[in-house]
Amino acid sequence: MIFSRRILTVAAAGVLTCAATATPAAAAPWPFSLIPSLYGVNVHSGKCLVAAGDGDPVAQRRCDPEPAYRWRFVPVTLLGLFHLENEQSGRCLTIAAGGRDDGDPVVQAPCDGRLSRSWRLRDAPGAGIYVENVNSGKCLTIAAGSVGEDARAVQYRCDGAVSRRWSFRATPNGPGVVRVNGGRP
């Protein structure tokens, strides 16, 4: 099962249509259960992105089937922008204080309209994809390219380094299921 940006965008358009025609009594959040929660696996370390406590830096750890390790791609626009919402906390991946500098920490915060909470997927050289922050134009990465446990997630320029590439999987050790513009999983 492969999800591409076009398919997710079309799915979001269908959801928008459904939400716009729903009765007020059924005005629940969009039915994002159509898009499964996925594990974000760093291509360099093979470890999963995990949500820590509220406001704490997001980190990488050995993959575990717990909800704190799973992320939903929640469409923000029909142009391929997403929130990455943690299944356990319901909070979104964001850059701390809306920062724009290399090394600014990635945390979780309430899902709202701030650009620092919106992300886009881009092709990366080799395996994996970039997860680029809309506000800063920088990529989700693991600090100093670490492969260690609890290494924190930060943003850094999208320069081809393998620590900036991600694979999103239905199971921690399964194949990548998100591809961008024909890229490899």
N, C-alpha and C. Protein backbone atom coordinates (compact mmCIF):
# COMPACT_ATOMS: atom_id res chain seq x y z
N MET A 1 0.86 -1.17 0.00
CA MET A 1 0.00 0.00 0.00
C MET A 1 0.90 1.23 0.00
N ILE A 2 0.83 2.02 -1.04
CA ILE A 2 1.67 3.20 -1.19
C ILE A 2 0.77 4.42 -1.23
N PHE A 3 1.11 5.44 -0.45
CA PHE A 3 0.41 6.72 -0.47
C PHE A 3 1.29 7.73 -1.16
N SER A 4 0.78 8.43 -2.10
CA SER A 4 1.55 9.51 -2.70
C SER A 4 0.90 10.82 -2.32
N ARG A 5 1.63 11.91 -2.52
CA ARG A 5 1.09 13.22 -2.17
C ARG A 5 -0.18 13.46 -2.97
N ARG A 6 -0.22 13.07 -4.23
CA ARG A 6 -1.42 13.29 -5.03
C ARG A 6 -2.61 12.53 -4.46
N ILE A 7 -2.40 11.29 -4.05
CA ILE A 7 -3.51 10.50 -3.51
C ILE A 7 -4.00 11.12 -2.21
N LEU A 8 -3.08 11.51 -1.32
CA LEU A 8 -3.49 12.12 -0.07
C LEU A 8 -4.21 13.43 -0.31
N THR A 9 -3.76 14.21 -1.28
CA THR A 9 -4.41 15.48 -1.59
C THR A 9 -5.81 15.24 -2.12
N VAL A 10 -5.96 14.25 -3.02
CA VAL A 10 -7.29 13.93 -3.54
C VAL A 10 -8.18 13.40 -2.42
N ALA A 11 -7.62 12.57 -1.54
CA ALA A 11 -8.40 12.07 -0.41
C ALA A 11 -8.86 13.23 0.47
N ALA A 12 -7.99 14.19 0.69
CA ALA A 12 -8.36 15.34 1.50
C ALA A 12 -9.47 16.14 0.82
N ALA A 13 -9.43 16.27 -0.49
CA ALA A 13 -10.47 16.99 -1.21
C ALA A 13 -11.81 16.29 -1.02
N GLY A 14 -11.81 14.97 -1.08
CA GLY A 14 -13.04 14.23 -0.86
C GLY A 14 -13.55 14.40 0.55
N VAL A 15 -12.65 14.43 1.50
CA VAL A 15 -13.04 14.64 2.89
C VAL A 15 -13.60 16.04 3.07
N LEU A 16 -12.99 17.03 2.43
CA LEU A 16 -13.51 18.40 2.50
C LEU A 16 -14.94 18.45 1.99
N THR A 17 -15.19 17.76 0.89
CA THR A 17 -16.52 17.75 0.33
C THR A 17 -17.50 17.11 1.31
N CYS A 18 -17.09 15.99 1.91
CA CYS A 18 -17.96 15.32 2.87
C CYS A 18 -18.22 16.21 4.08
N ALA A 19 -17.18 16.86 4.59
CA ALA A 19 -17.33 17.69 5.78
C ALA A 19 -18.23 18.89 5.49
N ALA A 20 -18.16 19.43 4.28
CA ALA A 20 -18.96 20.61 3.95
C ALA A 20 -20.43 20.27 3.85
N THR A 21 -20.77 19.02 3.56
CA THR A 21 -22.17 18.66 3.38
C THR A 21 -22.75 17.97 4.62
N ALA A 22 -21.93 17.81 5.65
CA ALA A 22 -22.41 17.13 6.86
C ALA A 22 -23.40 18.01 7.61
N THR A 23 -24.30 17.36 8.33
CA THR A 23 -25.24 18.12 9.15
C THR A 23 -24.54 18.62 10.39
N PRO A 24 -25.01 19.69 11.02
CA PRO A 24 -24.34 20.22 12.21
C PRO A 24 -24.18 19.20 13.32
N ALA A 25 -25.11 18.27 13.46
CA ALA A 25 -25.00 17.26 14.51
C ALA A 25 -23.81 16.35 14.27
N ALA A 26 -23.38 16.20 13.01
CA ALA A 26 -22.26 15.33 12.68
C ALA A 26 -20.98 16.13 12.46
N ALA A 27 -20.89 17.32 13.03
CA ALA A 27 -19.75 18.20 12.78
C ALA A 27 -18.54 17.80 13.61
N ALA A 28 -18.17 16.53 13.55
CA ALA A 28 -16.97 16.05 14.22
C ALA A 28 -15.76 16.41 13.35
N PRO A 29 -14.55 16.26 13.86
CA PRO A 29 -13.38 16.51 13.03
C PRO A 29 -13.40 15.63 11.79
N TRP A 30 -12.66 16.06 10.81
CA TRP A 30 -12.58 15.28 9.56
C TRP A 30 -12.30 13.83 9.88
N PRO A 31 -12.81 12.93 9.07
CA PRO A 31 -12.60 11.50 9.34
C PRO A 31 -11.21 11.05 8.92
N PHE A 32 -10.18 11.51 9.65
CA PHE A 32 -8.81 11.19 9.28
C PHE A 32 -8.46 9.74 9.53
N SER A 33 -9.37 8.99 10.09
CA SER A 33 -9.08 7.57 10.27
C SER A 33 -8.91 6.88 8.92
N LEU A 34 -9.32 7.56 7.83
CA LEU A 34 -9.10 7.01 6.49
C LEU A 34 -7.61 6.96 6.18
N ILE A 35 -6.84 7.85 6.78
CA ILE A 35 -5.40 7.86 6.58
C ILE A 35 -4.78 7.27 7.83
N PRO A 36 -4.12 6.12 7.73
CA PRO A 36 -3.63 5.44 8.93
C PRO A 36 -2.49 6.20 9.60
N SER A 37 -2.30 5.91 10.87
CA SER A 37 -1.13 6.42 11.59
C SER A 37 0.08 5.64 11.11
N LEU A 38 1.19 6.33 10.98
CA LEU A 38 2.40 5.70 10.46
C LEU A 38 3.58 5.95 11.40
N TYR A 39 4.57 5.10 11.30
CA TYR A 39 5.81 5.27 12.03
C TYR A 39 6.76 6.09 11.16
N GLY A 40 7.32 7.16 11.72
CA GLY A 40 8.34 7.94 11.03
C GLY A 40 9.70 7.38 11.39
N VAL A 41 10.37 6.75 10.43
CA VAL A 41 11.64 6.08 10.68
C VAL A 41 12.76 6.87 9.99
N ASN A 42 13.76 7.27 10.77
CA ASN A 42 14.89 7.99 10.21
C ASN A 42 15.73 7.02 9.39
N VAL A 43 16.02 7.38 8.15
CA VAL A 43 16.75 6.49 7.24
C VAL A 43 18.16 6.21 7.76
N HIS A 44 18.80 7.19 8.38
CA HIS A 44 20.17 7.02 8.86
C HIS A 44 20.24 6.09 10.06
N SER A 45 19.40 6.31 11.05
CA SER A 45 19.50 5.55 12.30
C SER A 45 18.62 4.31 12.33
N GLY A 46 17.54 4.30 11.54
CA GLY A 46 16.58 3.20 11.60
C GLY A 46 15.69 3.28 12.82
N LYS A 47 15.75 4.39 13.54
CA LYS A 47 14.94 4.57 14.75
C LYS A 47 13.70 5.42 14.44
N CYS A 48 12.70 5.30 15.31
CA CYS A 48 11.41 5.96 15.10
C CYS A 48 11.34 7.31 15.80
N LEU A 49 10.59 8.21 15.19
CA LEU A 49 10.28 9.50 15.78
C LEU A 49 9.24 9.27 16.87
N VAL A 50 9.49 9.80 18.06
CA VAL A 50 8.58 9.59 19.18
C VAL A 50 8.30 10.91 19.88
N ALA A 51 7.06 11.07 20.30
CA ALA A 51 6.65 12.27 21.02
C ALA A 51 6.96 12.09 22.50
N ALA A 52 7.63 13.08 23.05
CA ALA A 52 7.89 13.08 24.50
C ALA A 52 6.74 13.83 25.16
N GLY A 53 6.96 14.40 26.32
CA GLY A 53 5.93 15.17 26.99
C GLY A 53 5.64 16.48 26.26
N ASP A 54 4.54 17.11 26.62
CA ASP A 54 4.13 18.35 25.98
C ASP A 54 5.22 19.42 26.10
N GLY A 55 5.63 19.97 24.97
CA GLY A 55 6.65 21.00 24.95
C GLY A 55 8.07 20.46 25.00
N ASP A 56 8.23 19.17 25.32
CA ASP A 56 9.55 18.56 25.32
C ASP A 56 9.97 18.26 23.90
N PRO A 57 11.28 18.23 23.65
CA PRO A 57 11.73 17.91 22.29
C PRO A 57 11.26 16.52 21.85
N VAL A 58 10.95 16.42 20.59
CA VAL A 58 10.63 15.13 19.98
C VAL A 58 11.97 14.44 19.75
N ALA A 59 12.02 13.13 19.86
CA ALA A 59 13.29 12.41 19.78
C ALA A 59 13.14 11.17 18.91
N GLN A 60 14.23 10.45 18.77
CA GLN A 60 14.19 9.14 18.11
C GLN A 60 14.50 8.08 19.15
N ARG A 61 13.83 6.96 19.00
CA ARG A 61 14.09 5.80 19.87
C ARG A 61 13.88 4.54 19.05
N ARG A 62 14.32 3.44 19.63
CA ARG A 62 14.05 2.14 19.00
C ARG A 62 12.54 2.03 18.82
N CYS A 63 12.10 1.61 17.66
CA CYS A 63 10.66 1.58 17.35
C CYS A 63 9.90 0.68 18.31
N ASP A 64 8.72 1.13 18.68
CA ASP A 64 7.87 0.44 19.63
C ASP A 64 6.44 0.59 19.12
N PRO A 65 5.57 -0.40 19.32
CA PRO A 65 4.20 -0.29 18.79
C PRO A 65 3.28 0.65 19.57
N GLU A 66 3.80 1.40 20.52
CA GLU A 66 2.98 2.31 21.31
C GLU A 66 2.48 3.50 20.48
N PRO A 67 1.33 4.09 20.83
CA PRO A 67 0.77 5.23 20.08
C PRO A 67 1.68 6.46 20.02
N ALA A 68 2.58 6.65 20.98
CA ALA A 68 3.49 7.81 20.96
C ALA A 68 4.45 7.76 19.78
N TYR A 69 4.57 6.60 19.13
CA TYR A 69 5.47 6.42 18.00
C TYR A 69 4.76 6.57 16.65
N ARG A 70 3.45 6.75 16.66
CA ARG A 70 2.69 6.79 15.41
C ARG A 70 2.21 8.22 15.12
N TRP A 71 2.23 8.59 13.86
CA TRP A 71 1.90 9.94 13.40
C TRP A 71 0.89 9.88 12.28
N ARG A 72 -0.06 10.81 12.31
CA ARG A 72 -1.06 10.93 11.23
C ARG A 72 -0.69 12.11 10.35
N PHE A 73 -0.82 11.93 9.06
CA PHE A 73 -0.70 13.04 8.10
C PHE A 73 -2.08 13.67 8.00
N VAL A 74 -2.25 14.84 8.56
CA VAL A 74 -3.54 15.52 8.54
C VAL A 74 -3.45 16.65 7.50
N PRO A 75 -4.19 16.54 6.39
CA PRO A 75 -4.12 17.57 5.35
C PRO A 75 -4.52 18.95 5.89
N VAL A 76 -3.73 19.95 5.55
CA VAL A 76 -4.00 21.33 5.93
C VAL A 76 -4.53 22.11 4.73
N THR A 77 -3.98 21.83 3.56
CA THR A 77 -4.42 22.47 2.33
C THR A 77 -4.51 21.41 1.24
N LEU A 78 -5.10 21.79 0.14
CA LEU A 78 -5.16 20.89 -1.00
C LEU A 78 -3.88 20.96 -1.83
N LEU A 79 -2.91 21.72 -1.36
CA LEU A 79 -1.64 21.87 -2.07
C LEU A 79 -0.54 20.99 -1.48
N GLY A 80 -0.90 20.02 -0.67
CA GLY A 80 0.07 19.07 -0.15
C GLY A 80 0.70 19.44 1.18
N LEU A 81 0.12 20.37 1.93
CA LEU A 81 0.64 20.70 3.25
C LEU A 81 -0.10 19.86 4.29
N PHE A 82 0.65 19.43 5.32
CA PHE A 82 0.11 18.54 6.34
C PHE A 82 0.50 19.00 7.72
N HIS A 83 -0.29 18.58 8.71
CA HIS A 83 0.15 18.54 10.09
C HIS A 83 0.57 17.11 10.33
N LEU A 84 1.57 16.91 11.15
CA LEU A 84 1.94 15.57 11.60
C LEU A 84 1.46 15.46 13.04
N GLU A 85 0.34 14.78 13.22
CA GLU A 85 -0.32 14.69 14.52
C GLU A 85 0.03 13.38 15.20
N ASN A 86 0.49 13.46 16.44
CA ASN A 86 0.84 12.27 17.19
C ASN A 86 -0.42 11.54 17.63
N GLU A 87 -0.44 10.24 17.42
CA GLU A 87 -1.63 9.45 17.75
C GLU A 87 -1.93 9.47 19.25
N GLN A 88 -0.92 9.44 20.09
CA GLN A 88 -1.16 9.39 21.53
C GLN A 88 -1.61 10.75 22.08
N SER A 89 -0.91 11.81 21.74
CA SER A 89 -1.19 13.11 22.35
C SER A 89 -2.21 13.94 21.59
N GLY A 90 -2.38 13.66 20.28
CA GLY A 90 -3.26 14.49 19.45
C GLY A 90 -2.65 15.85 19.16
N ARG A 91 -1.37 16.01 19.47
CA ARG A 91 -0.67 17.28 19.24
C ARG A 91 0.19 17.16 17.99
N CYS A 92 0.58 18.31 17.46
CA CYS A 92 1.27 18.34 16.17
C CYS A 92 2.75 18.66 16.31
N LEU A 93 3.50 18.10 15.39
CA LEU A 93 4.92 18.37 15.27
C LEU A 93 5.09 19.83 14.88
N THR A 94 5.99 20.55 15.56
CA THR A 94 6.21 21.96 15.28
C THR A 94 7.64 22.34 15.62
N ILE A 95 8.06 23.49 15.15
CA ILE A 95 9.35 24.03 15.52
C ILE A 95 9.15 24.88 16.77
N ALA A 96 9.98 24.68 17.79
CA ALA A 96 9.85 25.43 19.04
C ALA A 96 9.88 26.92 18.77
N ALA A 97 8.92 27.62 19.32
CA ALA A 97 8.81 29.09 19.21
C ALA A 97 8.79 29.57 17.76
N GLY A 98 8.39 28.69 16.83
CA GLY A 98 8.30 29.09 15.42
C GLY A 98 9.63 29.43 14.80
N GLY A 99 10.72 28.91 15.37
CA GLY A 99 12.07 29.25 14.93
C GLY A 99 12.35 28.97 13.47
N ARG A 100 13.39 29.63 12.96
CA ARG A 100 13.79 29.47 11.57
C ARG A 100 15.26 29.10 11.42
N ASP A 101 15.95 28.84 12.54
CA ASP A 101 17.39 28.59 12.49
C ASP A 101 17.71 27.10 12.47
N ASP A 102 18.87 26.76 11.87
CA ASP A 102 19.36 25.40 11.93
C ASP A 102 19.52 25.01 13.40
N GLY A 103 19.09 23.81 13.74
CA GLY A 103 19.25 23.31 15.09
C GLY A 103 18.11 23.65 16.04
N ASP A 104 17.11 24.44 15.59
CA ASP A 104 15.97 24.72 16.46
C ASP A 104 15.25 23.41 16.74
N PRO A 105 14.87 23.17 18.02
CA PRO A 105 14.25 21.90 18.37
C PRO A 105 12.84 21.73 17.80
N VAL A 106 12.52 20.48 17.56
CA VAL A 106 11.18 20.09 17.12
C VAL A 106 10.46 19.58 18.36
N VAL A 107 9.26 20.10 18.60
CA VAL A 107 8.46 19.74 19.76
C VAL A 107 7.05 19.42 19.27
N GLN A 108 6.14 19.12 20.19
CA GLN A 108 4.74 19.00 19.83
C GLN A 108 3.96 20.11 20.51
N ALA A 109 2.93 20.58 19.83
CA ALA A 109 2.12 21.68 20.32
C ALA A 109 0.71 21.50 19.79
N PRO A 110 -0.25 22.30 20.28
CA PRO A 110 -1.60 22.18 19.75
C PRO A 110 -1.62 22.38 18.24
N CYS A 111 -2.46 21.62 17.58
CA CYS A 111 -2.59 21.73 16.12
C CYS A 111 -3.42 22.98 15.81
N ASP A 112 -2.79 23.96 15.21
CA ASP A 112 -3.50 25.18 14.84
C ASP A 112 -2.96 25.67 13.49
N GLY A 113 -3.32 26.86 13.10
CA GLY A 113 -2.97 27.36 11.79
C GLY A 113 -1.59 27.97 11.64
N ARG A 114 -0.75 27.91 12.67
CA ARG A 114 0.59 28.48 12.54
C ARG A 114 1.40 27.72 11.50
N LEU A 115 2.13 28.45 10.70
CA LEU A 115 2.93 27.82 9.65
C LEU A 115 4.00 26.89 10.21
N SER A 116 4.48 27.16 11.40
CA SER A 116 5.52 26.31 11.99
C SER A 116 4.99 24.91 12.31
N ARG A 117 3.67 24.71 12.23
CA ARG A 117 3.08 23.40 12.46
C ARG A 117 2.74 22.68 11.16
N SER A 118 3.00 23.32 10.04
CA SER A 118 2.69 22.73 8.73
C SER A 118 3.96 22.21 8.08
N TRP A 119 3.82 21.10 7.39
CA TRP A 119 4.95 20.41 6.77
C TRP A 119 4.57 20.03 5.35
N ARG A 120 5.58 19.83 4.51
CA ARG A 120 5.38 19.29 3.17
C ARG A 120 6.40 18.18 2.96
N LEU A 121 6.08 17.28 2.07
CA LEU A 121 6.99 16.18 1.73
C LEU A 121 7.69 16.51 0.43
N ARG A 122 8.98 16.20 0.38
CA ARG A 122 9.78 16.46 -0.82
C ARG A 122 10.65 15.25 -1.10
N ASP A 123 10.93 15.07 -2.39
CA ASP A 123 11.89 14.04 -2.77
C ASP A 123 13.23 14.34 -2.14
N ALA A 124 13.94 13.30 -1.77
CA ALA A 124 15.31 13.42 -1.27
C ALA A 124 16.19 12.52 -2.13
N PRO A 125 17.47 12.83 -2.22
CA PRO A 125 18.35 11.96 -3.00
C PRO A 125 18.50 10.61 -2.30
N GLY A 126 18.49 9.54 -3.04
CA GLY A 126 18.61 8.22 -2.43
C GLY A 126 17.32 7.80 -1.77
N ALA A 127 17.44 6.99 -0.73
CA ALA A 127 16.27 6.45 -0.04
C ALA A 127 15.65 7.51 0.87
N GLY A 128 14.34 7.41 1.04
CA GLY A 128 13.63 8.28 1.96
C GLY A 128 13.15 9.57 1.33
N ILE A 129 12.48 10.37 2.16
CA ILE A 129 11.92 11.66 1.73
C ILE A 129 12.29 12.73 2.76
N TYR A 130 12.22 13.98 2.34
CA TYR A 130 12.38 15.09 3.26
C TYR A 130 11.01 15.44 3.84
N VAL A 131 11.01 15.85 5.11
CA VAL A 131 9.84 16.41 5.75
C VAL A 131 10.23 17.85 6.05
N GLU A 132 9.71 18.78 5.24
CA GLU A 132 10.13 20.17 5.27
C GLU A 132 9.12 21.04 5.98
N ASN A 133 9.59 21.86 6.92
CA ASN A 133 8.71 22.78 7.63
C ASN A 133 8.35 23.94 6.72
N VAL A 134 7.07 24.28 6.65
CA VAL A 134 6.59 25.33 5.75
C VAL A 134 7.11 26.70 6.18
N ASN A 135 7.17 26.96 7.47
CA ASN A 135 7.59 28.26 7.97
C ASN A 135 9.07 28.54 7.70
N SER A 136 9.92 27.57 7.96
CA SER A 136 11.36 27.78 7.87
C SER A 136 11.98 27.29 6.58
N GLY A 137 11.32 26.35 5.89
CA GLY A 137 11.92 25.75 4.71
C GLY A 137 13.03 24.76 5.06
N LYS A 138 13.13 24.40 6.33
CA LYS A 138 14.17 23.47 6.78
C LYS A 138 13.56 22.10 7.05
N CYS A 139 14.42 21.09 7.08
CA CYS A 139 13.96 19.71 7.17
C CYS A 139 14.06 19.13 8.57
N LEU A 140 13.11 18.26 8.86
CA LEU A 140 13.12 17.47 10.09
C LEU A 140 14.37 16.59 10.04
N THR A 141 15.14 16.62 11.10
CA THR A 141 16.37 15.83 11.14
C THR A 141 16.66 15.41 12.57
N ILE A 142 17.64 14.57 12.73
CA ILE A 142 18.09 14.16 14.06
C ILE A 142 19.38 14.92 14.35
N ALA A 143 19.44 15.52 15.54
CA ALA A 143 20.57 16.38 15.92
C ALA A 143 21.90 15.69 15.66
N ALA A 144 22.77 16.41 14.98
CA ALA A 144 24.14 15.97 14.69
C ALA A 144 24.20 14.60 14.00
N GLY A 145 23.11 14.20 13.33
CA GLY A 145 23.11 12.94 12.61
C GLY A 145 23.27 11.73 13.51
N SER A 146 22.89 11.85 14.76
CA SER A 146 23.08 10.80 15.75
C SER A 146 22.27 9.55 15.41
N VAL A 147 22.81 8.40 15.80
CA VAL A 147 22.06 7.15 15.70
C VAL A 147 21.68 6.64 17.09
N GLY A 148 21.98 7.43 18.12
CA GLY A 148 21.73 7.01 19.50
C GLY A 148 20.29 7.15 19.94
N GLU A 149 19.97 6.45 21.01
CA GLU A 149 18.65 6.54 21.64
C GLU A 149 18.43 7.95 22.18
N ASP A 150 17.21 8.42 22.11
CA ASP A 150 16.80 9.71 22.65
C ASP A 150 17.49 10.91 22.00
N ALA A 151 18.12 10.71 20.84
CA ALA A 151 18.67 11.87 20.12
C ALA A 151 17.49 12.72 19.70
N ARG A 152 17.57 14.02 19.92
CA ARG A 152 16.42 14.87 19.68
C ARG A 152 16.29 15.27 18.22
N ALA A 153 15.05 15.55 17.86
CA ALA A 153 14.75 16.01 16.51
C ALA A 153 14.92 17.53 16.46
N VAL A 154 15.50 18.01 15.39
CA VAL A 154 15.70 19.43 15.16
C VAL A 154 15.37 19.72 13.70
N GLN A 155 15.45 20.98 13.32
CA GLN A 155 15.34 21.31 11.90
C GLN A 155 16.72 21.70 11.41
N TYR A 156 16.97 21.40 10.14
CA TYR A 156 18.26 21.74 9.54
C TYR A 156 18.06 21.87 8.04
N ARG A 157 18.95 22.59 7.40
CA ARG A 157 18.79 22.79 5.95
C ARG A 157 18.73 21.43 5.24
N CYS A 158 17.97 21.38 4.19
CA CYS A 158 17.76 20.15 3.42
C CYS A 158 18.93 19.97 2.46
N ASP A 159 20.00 19.36 2.94
CA ASP A 159 21.23 19.32 2.16
C ASP A 159 21.63 17.93 1.68
N GLY A 160 20.76 16.98 1.77
CA GLY A 160 21.06 15.65 1.26
C GLY A 160 21.60 14.69 2.31
N ALA A 161 21.94 15.17 3.50
CA ALA A 161 22.45 14.28 4.54
C ALA A 161 21.41 13.21 4.87
N VAL A 162 21.86 12.00 5.07
CA VAL A 162 20.95 10.87 5.30
C VAL A 162 20.14 11.04 6.59
N SER A 163 20.63 11.79 7.58
CA SER A 163 19.88 11.99 8.82
C SER A 163 18.66 12.88 8.62
N ARG A 164 18.52 13.49 7.44
CA ARG A 164 17.36 14.33 7.14
C ARG A 164 16.30 13.59 6.34
N ARG A 165 16.54 12.32 6.08
CA ARG A 165 15.61 11.53 5.26
C ARG A 165 14.80 10.60 6.15
N TRP A 166 13.53 10.45 5.75
CA TRP A 166 12.57 9.68 6.54
C TRP A 166 11.83 8.69 5.67
N SER A 167 11.40 7.63 6.30
CA SER A 167 10.51 6.64 5.69
C SER A 167 9.31 6.54 6.61
N PHE A 168 8.12 6.57 6.06
CA PHE A 168 6.90 6.41 6.87
C PHE A 168 6.32 5.05 6.57
N ARG A 169 6.11 4.28 7.63
CA ARG A 169 5.76 2.87 7.50
C ARG A 169 4.52 2.52 8.31
N ALA A 170 3.79 1.53 7.84
CA ALA A 170 2.61 1.05 8.55
C ALA A 170 3.01 0.22 9.77
N THR A 171 4.16 -0.44 9.71
CA THR A 171 4.71 -1.19 10.83
C THR A 171 6.16 -0.74 11.02
N PRO A 172 6.70 -0.82 12.22
CA PRO A 172 8.04 -0.31 12.44
C PRO A 172 9.12 -0.87 11.52
N ASN A 173 9.00 -2.15 11.16
CA ASN A 173 10.03 -2.78 10.33
C ASN A 173 9.56 -3.06 8.91
N GLY A 174 8.37 -2.55 8.57
CA GLY A 174 7.84 -2.80 7.24
C GLY A 174 8.44 -1.87 6.20
N PRO A 175 7.98 -2.00 4.96
CA PRO A 175 8.47 -1.13 3.89
C PRO A 175 7.85 0.27 4.02
N GLY A 176 8.51 1.25 3.45
CA GLY A 176 7.97 2.61 3.42
C GLY A 176 6.70 2.66 2.60
N VAL A 177 5.71 3.43 3.05
CA VAL A 177 4.44 3.51 2.34
C VAL A 177 4.12 4.91 1.84
N VAL A 178 5.00 5.88 2.06
CA VAL A 178 4.79 7.23 1.57
C VAL A 178 5.87 7.54 0.55
N ARG A 179 5.46 7.89 -0.64
CA ARG A 179 6.41 8.25 -1.70
C ARG A 179 6.03 9.62 -2.23
N VAL A 180 7.00 10.37 -2.66
CA VAL A 180 6.77 11.69 -3.22
C VAL A 180 7.31 11.70 -4.63
N ASN A 181 6.47 12.07 -5.58
CA ASN A 181 6.88 12.22 -6.97
C ASN A 181 7.72 11.04 -7.48
N GLY A 182 7.32 9.84 -7.12
CA GLY A 182 7.98 8.65 -7.65
C GLY A 182 9.24 8.25 -6.91
N GLY A 183 9.59 8.89 -5.79
CA GLY A 183 10.79 8.56 -5.05
C GLY A 183 10.72 7.17 -4.45
N ARG A 184 11.85 6.69 -4.01
CA ARG A 184 11.90 5.37 -3.37
C ARG A 184 11.39 5.46 -1.94
N PRO A 185 10.84 4.37 -1.37
CA PRO A 185 10.36 4.40 0.02
C PRO A 185 11.50 4.57 1.00
